Amino acid sequence: MNIQELITSAQKPEVYTSGTAIMWVDEYISTQLLETHLSQEIDLASRKETTISSTIEWILNKVPGDNLKILDLGCGPGLYTEKLAEKGHTVTGMDFSANSIRYAKESAGRKKLKISYLQQNYLELEEENKYDLVMIIFTDFGVLHPAQRDRLLANIYRALKPGGKFLFDVLNDNYPANNSGPKEWEVSEKGFWRNKPYLSLAESFYYEEQKVTLRQHIIIDETGEMEVYRFWIHTFSHADLERILALHNFRNTECHGHVLPGCDMHRSEDVTFCITTK
């Protein structure tokens, strides 16, 4: 890495330009993420247990039924899948992180819960007419690029039974996405990004036309190796969601605000829950 490479990487990129690394497949970072998922002190990767329980009650009130076949995409360590299985539903969890899936399988085994887990990118979902409910929780839907979102919606539509429901939450237009915030830097002997000394340079950029914020992290280790992590955060109005879902043949779309209390990442008024039907 030379200074010109750093200067170039720190510029505002074209919208949807990929980073050079993915944190979910990094063995060290994914371990850090798992610990954050499981923490009851903060709700940065998953919501706290009390909020998860409230979410499950709300979901099952909106999608009632006995022994539903449910797919939880981006299931992490199984915090939602376990509660759904305890209520008698047939549950499958899918996540990209090997660490999270490993933990989820071990936890289900300890609790004697029959849950199927798949370590897989949900953009590669291929099942057909199988599920009564597919869900993505904690605003994961909004991190996808439009092409990824289109691919995912086609996959979900195919995987649902006729009349099946897709349920997810997103950040809405109340979220202060256009507040890019200050540049941040961190020097650490060992931390979230590396188990060795590193420098972290973070900055946010807003793209008004696409209604998307980029959160960019440049990580430079003691050898001078540099990686760039990019996280895209979309906001959606109710009309945005209805339009996007209608393009993929979903119908009877409902949008609900103020469903849950706020958390460390989002205020209650920033989050919309959406339910739509195949």
C-alpha atoms as a PDB file:
ATOM      1  CA  MET A   1       0.000   0.000   0.000  1.00  0.00           C
ATOM      2  CA  ASN A   2       1.288   3.476  -0.889  1.00  0.00           C
ATOM      3  CA  ILE A   3      -0.164   6.857   0.006  1.00  0.00           C
ATOM      4  CA  GLN A   4      -1.758   7.322  -3.427  1.00  0.00           C
ATOM      5  CA  GLU A   5      -3.657   4.042  -3.055  1.00  0.00           C
ATOM      6  CA  LEU A   6      -4.945   5.239   0.303  1.00  0.00           C
ATOM      7  CA  ILE A   7      -5.984   8.618  -1.085  1.00  0.00           C
ATOM      8  CA  THR A   8      -7.810   6.945  -3.976  1.00  0.00           C
ATOM      9  CA  SER A   9      -9.585   4.450  -1.711  1.00  0.00           C
ATOM     10  CA  ALA A  10     -10.693   7.220   0.650  1.00  0.00           C
ATOM     11  CA  GLN A  11     -12.495   9.169  -2.102  1.00  0.00           C
ATOM     12  CA  LYS A  12     -16.274   8.921  -2.454  1.00  0.00           C
ATOM     13  CA  PRO A  13     -16.716   5.980  -4.854  1.00  0.00           C
ATOM     14  CA  GLU A  14     -19.293   5.520  -7.547  1.00  0.00           C
ATOM     15  CA  VAL A  15     -22.495   4.197  -6.014  1.00  0.00           C
ATOM     16  CA  TYR A  16     -22.465   0.414  -5.419  1.00  0.00           C
ATOM     17  CA  THR A  17     -18.744   0.047  -6.031  1.00  0.00           C
ATOM     18  CA  SER A  18     -17.718  -3.079  -4.154  1.00  0.00           C
ATOM     19  CA  GLY A  19     -15.127  -3.105  -1.407  1.00  0.00           C
ATOM     20  CA  THR A  20     -12.085  -5.345  -1.493  1.00  0.00           C
ATOM     21  CA  ALA A  21     -13.156  -7.627   1.388  1.00  0.00           C
ATOM     22  CA  ILE A  22     -16.287  -9.158   2.972  1.00  0.00           C
ATOM     23  CA  MET A  23     -16.372  -9.339   6.744  1.00  0.00           C
ATOM     24  CA  TRP A  24     -18.854 -12.247   7.046  1.00  0.00           C
ATOM     25  CA  VAL A  25     -16.389 -14.734   5.575  1.00  0.00           C
ATOM     26  CA  ASP A  26     -13.372 -13.509   7.548  1.00  0.00           C
ATOM     27  CA  GLU A  27     -12.702 -16.044  10.323  1.00  0.00           C
ATOM     28  CA  TYR A  28     -11.614 -13.467  12.889  1.00  0.00           C
ATOM     29  CA  ILE A  29     -14.210 -10.775  12.148  1.00  0.00           C
ATOM     30  CA  SER A  30     -17.065 -13.283  11.960  1.00  0.00           C
ATOM     31  CA  THR A  31     -16.103 -14.452  15.458  1.00  0.00           C
ATOM     32  CA  GLN A  32     -16.347 -10.846  16.653  1.00  0.00           C
ATOM     33  CA  LEU A  33     -19.730 -10.535  14.946  1.00  0.00           C
ATOM     34  CA  LEU A  34     -20.994 -13.665  16.677  1.00  0.00           C
ATOM     35  CA  GLU A  35     -20.083 -12.220  20.061  1.00  0.00           C
ATOM     36  CA  THR A  36     -21.936  -9.019  19.160  1.00  0.00           C
ATOM     37  CA  HIS A  37     -25.011 -11.035  18.086  1.00  0.00           C
ATOM     38  CA  LEU A  38     -25.083 -12.819  21.434  1.00  0.00           C
ATOM     39  CA  SER A  39     -24.442  -9.798  23.653  1.00  0.00           C
ATOM     40  CA  GLN A  40     -27.318  -8.640  25.836  1.00  0.00           C
ATOM     41  CA  GLU A  41     -25.460  -5.407  26.619  1.00  0.00           C
ATOM     42  CA  ILE A  42     -25.853  -3.923  23.131  1.00  0.00           C
ATOM     43  CA  ASP A  43     -28.095  -4.540  20.127  1.00  0.00           C
ATOM     44  CA  LEU A  44     -25.856  -3.762  17.188  1.00  0.00           C
ATOM     45  CA  ALA A  45     -25.850  -7.076  15.289  1.00  0.00           C
ATOM     46  CA  SER A  46     -29.063  -8.508  16.743  1.00  0.00           C
ATOM     47  CA  ARG A  47     -31.740  -7.001  18.939  1.00  0.00           C
ATOM     48  CA  LYS A  48     -31.861  -7.897  22.605  1.00  0.00           C
ATOM     49  CA  GLU A  49     -33.674 -11.041  23.773  1.00  0.00           C
ATOM     50  CA  THR A  50     -36.731  -9.193  25.073  1.00  0.00           C
ATOM     51  CA  THR A  51     -37.160  -7.379  21.769  1.00  0.00           C
ATOM     52  CA  ILE A  52     -36.663 -10.607  19.808  1.00  0.00           C
ATOM     53  CA  SER A  53     -39.436 -12.252  21.854  1.00  0.00           C
ATOM     54  CA  SER A  54     -41.742  -9.287  21.151  1.00  0.00           C
ATOM     55  CA  THR A  55     -40.860  -9.488  17.456  1.00  0.00           C
ATOM     56  CA  ILE A  56     -41.778 -13.180  17.307  1.00  0.00           C
ATOM     57  CA  GLU A  57     -45.119 -12.525  18.997  1.00  0.00           C
ATOM     58  CA  TRP A  58     -45.858  -9.730  16.524  1.00  0.00           C
ATOM     59  CA  ILE A  59     -44.850 -11.863  13.533  1.00  0.00           C
ATOM     60  CA  LEU A  60     -46.986 -14.825  14.553  1.00  0.00           C
ATOM     61  CA  ASN A  61     -49.938 -12.530  15.171  1.00  0.00           C
ATOM     62  CA  LYS A  62     -49.594 -11.237  11.618  1.00  0.00           C
ATOM     63  CA  VAL A  63     -48.909 -14.697  10.127  1.00  0.00           C
ATOM     64  CA  PRO A  64     -50.991 -17.080  12.246  1.00  0.00           C
ATOM     65  CA  GLY A  65     -51.100 -20.836  11.855  1.00  0.00           C
ATOM     66  CA  ASP A  66     -49.942 -24.128  13.309  1.00  0.00           C
ATOM     67  CA  ASN A  67     -46.700 -25.840  12.309  1.00  0.00           C
ATOM     68  CA  LEU A  68     -45.794 -23.218   9.746  1.00  0.00           C
ATOM     69  CA  LYS A  69     -42.826 -23.950   7.500  1.00  0.00           C
ATOM     70  CA  ILE A  70     -40.587 -20.926   8.083  1.00  0.00           C
ATOM     71  CA  LEU A  71     -37.310 -19.847   6.498  1.00  0.00           C
ATOM     72  CA  ASP A  72     -35.188 -17.253   8.332  1.00  0.00           C
ATOM     73  CA  LEU A  73     -32.670 -15.682   5.949  1.00  0.00           C
ATOM     74  CA  GLY A  74     -29.588 -14.206   7.583  1.00  0.00           C
ATOM     75  CA  CYS A  75     -30.468 -16.167  10.707  1.00  0.00           C
ATOM     76  CA  GLY A  76     -27.147 -15.522  12.483  1.00  0.00           C
ATOM     77  CA  PRO A  77     -26.753 -17.705  15.588  1.00  0.00           C
ATOM     78  CA  GLY A  78     -30.408 -18.757  15.592  1.00  0.00           C
ATOM     79  CA  LEU A  79     -31.930 -16.226  17.973  1.00  0.00           C
ATOM     80  CA  TYR A  80     -35.244 -16.107  16.080  1.00  0.00           C
ATOM     81  CA  THR A  81     -35.289 -19.649  14.724  1.00  0.00           C
ATOM     82  CA  GLU A  82     -35.095 -21.167  18.214  1.00  0.00           C
ATOM     83  CA  LYS A  83     -38.063 -19.173  19.488  1.00  0.00           C
ATOM     84  CA  LEU A  84     -40.097 -20.115  16.414  1.00  0.00           C
ATOM     85  CA  ALA A  85     -39.203 -23.795  16.822  1.00  0.00           C
ATOM     86  CA  GLU A  86     -40.164 -23.663  20.501  1.00  0.00           C
ATOM     87  CA  LYS A  87     -43.625 -22.556  19.378  1.00  0.00           C
ATOM     88  CA  GLY A  88     -44.029 -25.687  17.261  1.00  0.00           C
ATOM     89  CA  HIS A  89     -43.085 -24.454  13.809  1.00  0.00           C
ATOM     90  CA  THR A  90     -40.832 -26.218  11.289  1.00  0.00           C
ATOM     91  CA  VAL A  91     -37.910 -23.850  10.891  1.00  0.00           C
ATOM     92  CA  THR A  92     -34.918 -23.517   8.584  1.00  0.00           C
ATOM     93  CA  GLY A  93     -32.183 -20.942   9.121  1.00  0.00           C
ATOM     94  CA  MET A  94     -29.750 -19.778   6.443  1.00  0.00           C
ATOM     95  CA  ASP A  95     -26.653 -17.637   6.933  1.00  0.00           C
ATOM     96  CA  PHE A  96     -23.426 -16.847   5.097  1.00  0.00           C
ATOM     97  CA  SER A  97     -21.302 -17.074   8.249  1.00  0.00           C
ATOM     98  CA  ALA A  98     -19.863 -20.493   9.072  1.00  0.00           C
ATOM     99  CA  ASN A  99     -19.267 -19.379  12.684  1.00  0.00           C
ATOM    100  CA  SER A 100     -22.879 -18.343  13.172  1.00  0.00           C
ATOM    101  CA  ILE A 101     -24.268 -21.544  11.653  1.00  0.00           C
ATOM    102  CA  ARG A 102     -21.895 -23.663  13.728  1.00  0.00           C
ATOM    103  CA  TYR A 103     -23.064 -21.937  16.909  1.00  0.00           C
ATOM    104  CA  ALA A 104     -26.738 -22.210  15.895  1.00  0.00           C
ATOM    105  CA  LYS A 105     -26.469 -25.954  15.275  1.00  0.00           C
ATOM    106  CA  GLU A 106     -24.723 -26.536  18.593  1.00  0.00           C
ATOM    107  CA  SER A 107     -27.273 -24.421  20.470  1.00  0.00           C
ATOM    108  CA  ALA A 108     -30.220 -26.238  18.877  1.00  0.00           C
ATOM    109  CA  GLY A 109     -28.601 -29.548  19.777  1.00  0.00           C
ATOM    110  CA  ARG A 110     -28.187 -28.535  23.416  1.00  0.00           C
ATOM    111  CA  LYS A 111     -31.824 -27.457  23.597  1.00  0.00           C
ATOM    112  CA  LYS A 112     -33.040 -30.501  21.641  1.00  0.00           C
ATOM    113  CA  LEU A 113     -34.703 -28.313  19.022  1.00  0.00           C
ATOM    114  CA  LYS A 114     -35.196 -29.715  15.544  1.00  0.00           C
ATOM    115  CA  ILE A 115     -34.051 -26.876  13.300  1.00  0.00           C
ATOM    116  CA  SER A 116     -32.449 -27.152   9.870  1.00  0.00           C
ATOM    117  CA  TYR A 117     -29.494 -24.858   9.273  1.00  0.00           C
ATOM    118  CA  LEU A 118     -27.794 -24.057   5.980  1.00  0.00           C
ATOM    119  CA  GLN A 119     -24.517 -22.217   5.595  1.00  0.00           C
ATOM    120  CA  GLN A 120     -25.294 -20.485   2.310  1.00  0.00           C
ATOM    121  CA  ASN A 121     -25.577 -17.096   0.641  1.00  0.00           C
ATOM    122  CA  TYR A 122     -29.310 -16.442   0.458  1.00  0.00           C
ATOM    123  CA  LEU A 123     -28.860 -14.949  -3.000  1.00  0.00           C
ATOM    124  CA  GLU A 124     -28.376 -18.586  -4.056  1.00  0.00           C
ATOM    125  CA  LEU A 125     -31.675 -19.829  -2.589  1.00  0.00           C
ATOM    126  CA  GLU A 126     -33.165 -22.330  -5.074  1.00  0.00           C
ATOM    127  CA  GLU A 127     -36.105 -24.008  -3.312  1.00  0.00           C
ATOM    128  CA  GLU A 128     -39.635 -23.975  -4.763  1.00  0.00           C
ATOM    129  CA  ASN A 129     -43.118 -23.824  -3.194  1.00  0.00           C
ATOM    130  CA  LYS A 130     -41.817 -24.895   0.213  1.00  0.00           C
ATOM    131  CA  TYR A 131     -42.407 -22.211   2.848  1.00  0.00           C
ATOM    132  CA  ASP A 132     -45.415 -20.551   4.458  1.00  0.00           C
ATOM    133  CA  LEU A 133     -43.235 -17.698   5.685  1.00  0.00           C
ATOM    134  CA  VAL A 134     -39.849 -16.333   4.648  1.00  0.00           C
ATOM    135  CA  MET A 135     -38.372 -13.622   6.844  1.00  0.00           C
ATOM    136  CA  ILE A 136     -35.352 -11.303   6.953  1.00  0.00           C
ATOM    137  CA  ILE A 137     -34.962  -9.368  10.176  1.00  0.00           C
ATOM    138  CA  PHE A 138     -32.849  -6.438  11.429  1.00  0.00           C
ATOM    139  CA  THR A 139     -32.922  -4.349   8.238  1.00  0.00           C
ATOM    140  CA  ASP A 140     -30.766  -6.778   6.216  1.00  0.00           C
ATOM    141  CA  PHE A 141     -32.989  -6.231   3.171  1.00  0.00           C
ATOM    142  CA  GLY A 142     -31.740  -2.654   2.963  1.00  0.00           C
ATOM    143  CA  VAL A 143     -28.041  -3.523   2.651  1.00  0.00           C
ATOM    144  CA  LEU A 144     -28.482  -5.138  -0.756  1.00  0.00           C
ATOM    145  CA  HIS A 145     -27.660  -3.497  -4.064  1.00  0.00           C
ATOM    146  CA  PRO A 146     -30.732  -3.210  -6.362  1.00  0.00           C
ATOM    147  CA  ALA A 147     -29.601  -6.121  -8.567  1.00  0.00           C
ATOM    148  CA  GLN A 148     -29.054  -8.284  -5.475  1.00  0.00           C
ATOM    149  CA  ARG A 149     -32.451  -7.236  -4.137  1.00  0.00           C
ATOM    150  CA  ASP A 150     -34.140  -8.234  -7.391  1.00  0.00           C
ATOM    151  CA  ARG A 151     -32.420 -11.608  -7.331  1.00  0.00           C
ATOM    152  CA  LEU A 152     -33.389 -12.202  -3.720  1.00  0.00           C
ATOM    153  CA  LEU A 153     -37.038 -11.303  -4.276  1.00  0.00           C
ATOM    154  CA  ALA A 154     -37.237 -13.700  -7.232  1.00  0.00           C
ATOM    155  CA  ASN A 155     -35.712 -16.434  -5.064  1.00  0.00           C
ATOM    156  CA  ILE A 156     -38.144 -15.787  -2.210  1.00  0.00           C
ATOM    157  CA  TYR A 157     -41.175 -15.685  -4.492  1.00  0.00           C
ATOM    158  CA  ARG A 158     -40.184 -19.064  -5.921  1.00  0.00           C
ATOM    159  CA  ALA A 159     -39.524 -20.563  -2.481  1.00  0.00           C
ATOM    160  CA  LEU A 160     -42.890 -19.554  -1.023  1.00  0.00           C
ATOM    161  CA  LYS A 161     -45.995 -21.667  -1.273  1.00  0.00           C
ATOM    162  CA  PRO A 162     -48.942 -19.993  -3.036  1.00  0.00           C
ATOM    163  CA  GLY A 163     -50.362 -17.556  -0.501  1.00  0.00           C
ATOM    164  CA  GLY A 164     -47.128 -17.629   1.520  1.00  0.00           C
ATOM    165  CA  LYS A 165     -45.845 -14.500   3.227  1.00  0.00           C
ATOM    166  CA  PHE A 166     -42.575 -12.595   3.031  1.00  0.00           C
ATOM    167  CA  LEU A 167     -41.862 -10.481   6.125  1.00  0.00           C
ATOM    168  CA  PHE A 168     -38.940  -8.098   6.620  1.00  0.00           C
ATOM    169  CA  ASP A 169     -37.969  -4.794   8.189  1.00  0.00           C
ATOM    170  CA  VAL A 170     -36.209  -1.801   6.652  1.00  0.00           C
ATOM    171  CA  LEU A 171     -35.074   1.673   7.559  1.00  0.00           C
ATOM    172  CA  ASN A 172     -37.634   4.220   6.404  1.00  0.00           C
ATOM    173  CA  ASP A 173     -37.325   7.847   5.373  1.00  0.00           C
ATOM    174  CA  ASN A 174     -37.314   9.030   8.997  1.00  0.00           C
ATOM    175  CA  TYR A 175     -33.821   7.598   9.334  1.00  0.00           C
ATOM    176  CA  PRO A 176     -31.232  10.393   9.043  1.00  0.00           C
ATOM    177  CA  ALA A 177     -29.397   8.734   6.157  1.00  0.00           C
ATOM    178  CA  ASN A 178     -28.141  12.000   4.666  1.00  0.00           C
ATOM    179  CA  ASN A 179     -26.190  12.809   7.814  1.00  0.00           C
ATOM    180  CA  SER A 180     -22.787  11.556   6.695  1.00  0.00           C
ATOM    181  CA  GLY A 181     -21.136  12.384  10.023  1.00  0.00           C
ATOM    182  CA  PRO A 182     -17.475  13.054  10.753  1.00  0.00           C
ATOM    183  CA  LYS A 183     -14.501  11.029   9.616  1.00  0.00           C
ATOM    184  CA  GLU A 184     -13.319   8.591  12.256  1.00  0.00           C
ATOM    185  CA  TRP A 185     -10.005   6.861  12.836  1.00  0.00           C
ATOM    186  CA  GLU A 186      -8.815   4.234  15.287  1.00  0.00           C
ATOM    187  CA  VAL A 187      -5.411   2.774  16.102  1.00  0.00           C
ATOM    188  CA  SER A 188      -5.624  -0.555  17.903  1.00  0.00           C
ATOM    189  CA  GLU A 189      -3.287  -3.295  19.094  1.00  0.00           C
ATOM    190  CA  LYS A 190      -6.182  -5.727  18.622  1.00  0.00           C
ATOM    191  CA  GLY A 191      -9.854  -5.042  18.060  1.00  0.00           C
ATOM    192  CA  PHE A 192     -12.950  -5.758  16.005  1.00  0.00           C
ATOM    193  CA  TRP A 193     -11.224  -5.735  12.626  1.00  0.00           C
ATOM    194  CA  ARG A 194      -7.980  -7.583  13.315  1.00  0.00           C
ATOM    195  CA  ASN A 195      -6.297  -9.661  16.023  1.00  0.00           C
ATOM    196  CA  LYS A 196      -3.092  -7.689  15.440  1.00  0.00           C
ATOM    197  CA  PRO A 197      -2.238  -3.963  15.264  1.00  0.00           C
ATOM    198  CA  TYR A 198      -4.204  -1.978  12.685  1.00  0.00           C
ATOM    199  CA  LEU A 199      -5.368   1.480  11.677  1.00  0.00           C
ATOM    200  CA  SER A 200      -9.049   2.004  10.825  1.00  0.00           C
ATOM    201  CA  LEU A 201     -10.284   4.967   8.770  1.00  0.00           C
ATOM    202  CA  ALA A 202     -14.079   5.277   8.563  1.00  0.00           C
ATOM    203  CA  GLU A 203     -16.325   7.700   6.709  1.00  0.00           C
ATOM    204  CA  SER A 204     -19.908   7.852   5.441  1.00  0.00           C
ATOM    205  CA  PHE A 205     -21.122   9.124   2.059  1.00  0.00           C
ATOM    206  CA  TYR A 206     -24.686   9.883   0.981  1.00  0.00           C
ATOM    207  CA  TYR A 207     -26.152   9.294  -2.503  1.00  0.00           C
ATOM    208  CA  GLU A 208     -29.362  11.298  -2.660  1.00  0.00           C
ATOM    209  CA  GLU A 209     -30.761   9.939  -5.920  1.00  0.00           C
ATOM    210  CA  GLN A 210     -30.532   6.312  -4.736  1.00  0.00           C
ATOM    211  CA  LYS A 211     -31.498   7.128  -1.108  1.00  0.00           C
ATOM    212  CA  VAL A 212     -28.482   5.194   0.083  1.00  0.00           C
ATOM    213  CA  THR A 213     -25.683   5.823   2.561  1.00  0.00           C
ATOM    214  CA  LEU A 214     -22.290   4.167   2.240  1.00  0.00           C
ATOM    215  CA  ARG A 215     -20.435   3.369   5.450  1.00  0.00           C
ATOM    216  CA  GLN A 216     -16.825   2.762   4.429  1.00  0.00           C
ATOM    217  CA  HIS A 217     -14.043   1.299   6.581  1.00  0.00           C
ATOM    218  CA  ILE A 218     -10.423   1.237   5.384  1.00  0.00           C
ATOM    219  CA  ILE A 219      -8.291  -1.148   7.442  1.00  0.00           C
ATOM    220  CA  ILE A 220      -4.485  -1.058   7.259  1.00  0.00           C
ATOM    221  CA  ASP A 221      -2.463  -3.601   9.227  1.00  0.00           C
ATOM    222  CA  GLU A 222       1.138  -3.513  10.431  1.00  0.00           C
ATOM    223  CA  THR A 223       2.406  -4.987   7.156  1.00  0.00           C
ATOM    224  CA  GLY A 224       0.822  -2.174   5.161  1.00  0.00           C
ATOM    225  CA  GLU A 225      -1.873  -4.439   3.694  1.00  0.00           C
ATOM    226  CA  MET A 226      -5.070  -2.484   3.096  1.00  0.00           C
ATOM    227  CA  GLU A 227      -8.668  -3.725   2.823  1.00  0.00           C
ATOM    228  CA  VAL A 228     -11.788  -1.676   2.129  1.00  0.00           C
ATOM    229  CA  TYR A 229     -15.148  -2.735   3.611  1.00  0.00           C
ATOM    230  CA  ARG A 230     -18.268  -1.064   2.200  1.00  0.00           C
ATOM    231  CA  PHE A 231     -21.770  -1.263   3.667  1.00  0.00           C
ATOM    232  CA  TRP A 232     -24.716   0.218   1.759  1.00  0.00           C
ATOM    233  CA  ILE A 233     -27.718   1.374   3.802  1.00  0.00           C
ATOM    234  CA  HIS A 234     -30.946   2.080   1.912  1.00  0.00           C
ATOM    235  CA  THR A 235     -34.054   3.810   3.176  1.00  0.00           C
ATOM    236  CA  PHE A 236     -37.544   3.137   1.813  1.00  0.00           C
ATOM    237  CA  SER A 237     -40.920   4.829   1.884  1.00  0.00           C
ATOM    238  CA  HIS A 238     -44.070   2.690   1.953  1.00  0.00           C
ATOM    239  CA  ALA A 239     -44.582   3.571  -1.711  1.00  0.00           C
ATOM    240  CA  ASP A 240     -41.031   2.437  -2.528  1.00  0.00           C
ATOM    241  CA  LEU A 241     -41.672  -0.946  -0.946  1.00  0.00           C
ATOM    242  CA  GLU A 242     -45.039  -1.444  -2.631  1.00  0.00           C
ATOM    243  CA  ARG A 243     -43.532  -0.600  -6.025  1.00  0.00           C
ATOM    244  CA  ILE A 244     -40.492  -2.882  -5.617  1.00  0.00           C
ATOM    245  CA  LEU A 245     -42.579  -5.822  -4.395  1.00  0.00           C
ATOM    246  CA  ALA A 246     -45.231  -5.391  -7.106  1.00  0.00           C
ATOM    247  CA  LEU A 247     -42.499  -5.661  -9.740  1.00  0.00           C
ATOM    248  CA  HIS A 248     -41.871  -9.172  -8.393  1.00  0.00           C
ATOM    249  CA  ASN A 249     -45.587 -10.115  -8.353  1.00  0.00           C
ATOM    250  CA  PHE A 250     -46.091  -9.820  -4.609  1.00  0.00           C
ATOM    251  CA  ARG A 251     -49.495  -8.526  -3.536  1.00  0.00           C
ATOM    252  CA  ASN A 252     -51.441  -7.253  -0.519  1.00  0.00           C
ATOM    253  CA  THR A 253     -48.388  -5.478   0.859  1.00  0.00           C
ATOM    254  CA  GLU A 254     -48.737  -4.040   4.361  1.00  0.00           C
ATOM    255  CA  CYS A 255     -46.294  -1.613   5.981  1.00  0.00           C
ATOM    256  CA  HIS A 256     -46.213  -1.104   9.737  1.00  0.00           C
ATOM    257  CA  GLY A 257     -44.309   1.500  11.715  1.00  0.00           C
ATOM    258  CA  HIS A 258     -43.478   1.782  15.419  1.00  0.00           C
ATOM    259  CA  VAL A 259     -43.661  -1.996  15.817  1.00  0.00           C
ATOM    260  CA  LEU A 260     -40.789  -2.349  18.283  1.00  0.00           C
ATOM    261  CA  PRO A 261     -38.904  -0.189  20.767  1.00  0.00           C
ATOM    262  CA  GLY A 262     -35.777   1.532  19.550  1.00  0.00           C
ATOM    263  CA  CYS A 263     -32.350  -0.042  19.871  1.00  0.00           C
ATOM    264  CA  ASP A 264     -28.724   1.015  19.915  1.00  0.00           C
ATOM    265  CA  MET A 265     -28.679   1.295  16.109  1.00  0.00           C
ATOM    266  CA  HIS A 266     -32.155   2.652  15.263  1.00  0.00           C
ATOM    267  CA  ARG A 267     -35.052   4.563  16.751  1.00  0.00           C
ATOM    268  CA  SER A 268     -38.474   2.899  16.673  1.00  0.00           C
ATOM    269  CA  GLU A 269     -39.763   5.506  14.224  1.00  0.00           C
ATOM    270  CA  ASP A 270     -36.908   4.723  11.797  1.00  0.00           C
ATOM    271  CA  VAL A 271     -37.994   1.112  11.170  1.00  0.00           C
ATOM    272  CA  THR A 272     -40.819  -0.185   8.982  1.00  0.00           C
ATOM    273  CA  PHE A 273     -41.974  -3.800   9.037  1.00  0.00           C
ATOM    274  CA  CYS A 274     -43.401  -5.065   5.757  1.00  0.00           C
ATOM    275  CA  ILE A 275     -45.549  -8.130   5.045  1.00  0.00           C
ATOM    276  CA  THR A 276     -46.415  -9.178   1.514  1.00  0.00           C
ATOM    277  CA  THR A 277     -48.038 -12.192  -0.126  1.00  0.00           C
ATOM    278  CA  LYS A 278     -47.198 -14.504  -3.029  1.00  0.00           C
END
